[in-house]
C-alpha cells in the first residue's frame, strides 16, 4: 500500500500558516480580536494548524 502525497494547496497552506502564526504570536503580543481565545487554547490552535496542513498533504486537491 502506497500513499500518494501531494503538496498542499494554497488555501490549506494559508489557513495553517494563519493559525500557527496567531498561536505563536500570542506568546509575545496581545492580539485584540481573537487573542484571548487563542492564548487560552494555544496548543489546540497549533494542533489544528498542523492538522489542516496534514490534510492538505494527504488529501489530493485540498
Protein backbone atom coordinates (compact mmCIF):
# COMPACT_ATOMS: atom_id res chain seq x y z
CA UNK A 1 0.00 0.00 0.00
CA UNK A 2 1.50 3.28 -1.09
CA UNK A 3 0.44 6.73 -0.04
CA UNK A 4 0.33 9.31 -2.78
CA UNK A 5 1.28 12.58 -1.15
CA UNK A 6 0.87 15.91 -2.83
CA UNK A 7 1.86 19.42 -1.85
CA UNK A 8 -0.91 21.24 -0.02
CA UNK A 9 -3.00 23.73 -1.92
CA UNK A 10 -2.63 27.42 -1.31
CA UNK A 11 -5.83 27.76 0.83
CA UNK A 12 -4.83 24.90 3.14
CA UNK A 13 -1.32 26.28 3.48
CA UNK A 14 -2.53 29.81 4.22
CA UNK A 15 -5.08 28.64 6.79
CA UNK A 16 -2.45 26.58 8.62
CA UNK A 17 0.01 29.47 8.42
CA UNK A 18 -2.51 31.92 9.91
CA UNK A 19 -3.47 29.52 12.71
CA UNK A 20 0.13 28.72 13.60
CA UNK A 21 1.18 32.36 13.34
CA UNK A 22 -1.62 33.52 15.63
CA UNK A 23 -0.81 30.81 18.17
CA UNK A 24 2.86 31.75 18.23
CA UNK A 25 2.11 35.49 18.22
CA UNK A 26 0.09 35.19 21.43
CA UNK A 27 3.26 34.14 23.22
CA UNK A 28 4.76 37.58 22.72
CA UNK A 29 1.95 40.07 21.98
CA UNK A 30 -1.70 40.79 22.73
CA UNK A 31 -3.87 40.08 19.68
CA UNK A 32 -7.02 42.14 20.03
CA UNK A 33 -9.66 40.21 18.06
CA UNK A 34 -9.17 36.53 18.88
CA UNK A 35 -6.20 36.82 21.18
CA UNK A 36 -7.93 35.70 24.36
CA UNK A 37 -9.30 32.50 22.83
CA UNK A 38 -6.06 31.66 21.06
CA UNK A 39 -3.97 32.43 24.13
CA UNK A 40 -6.04 30.12 26.33
CA UNK A 41 -6.18 27.32 23.74
CA UNK A 42 -2.77 27.84 22.13
CA UNK A 43 -1.85 24.16 21.97
CA UNK A 44 -5.10 23.17 20.25
CA UNK A 45 -4.91 26.02 17.76
CA UNK A 46 -1.39 24.96 16.84
CA UNK A 47 -2.52 21.32 16.61
CA UNK A 48 -5.37 22.41 14.30
CA UNK A 49 -2.86 24.25 12.10
CA UNK A 50 -0.80 21.10 11.67
CA UNK A 51 -3.95 19.02 11.12
CA UNK A 52 -5.01 21.32 8.29
CA UNK A 53 -1.53 21.09 6.79
CA UNK A 54 -1.57 17.29 7.17
CA UNK A 55 -4.93 17.04 5.43
CA UNK A 56 -3.67 19.30 2.66
CA UNK A 57 -0.79 16.90 2.05
CA UNK A 58 -2.73 13.64 2.33
CA UNK A 59 -5.99 14.57 0.55
CA UNK A 60 -5.43 15.32 -3.12
CA UNK A 61 -6.94 18.61 -4.24
CA UNK A 62 -7.39 20.14 -0.79
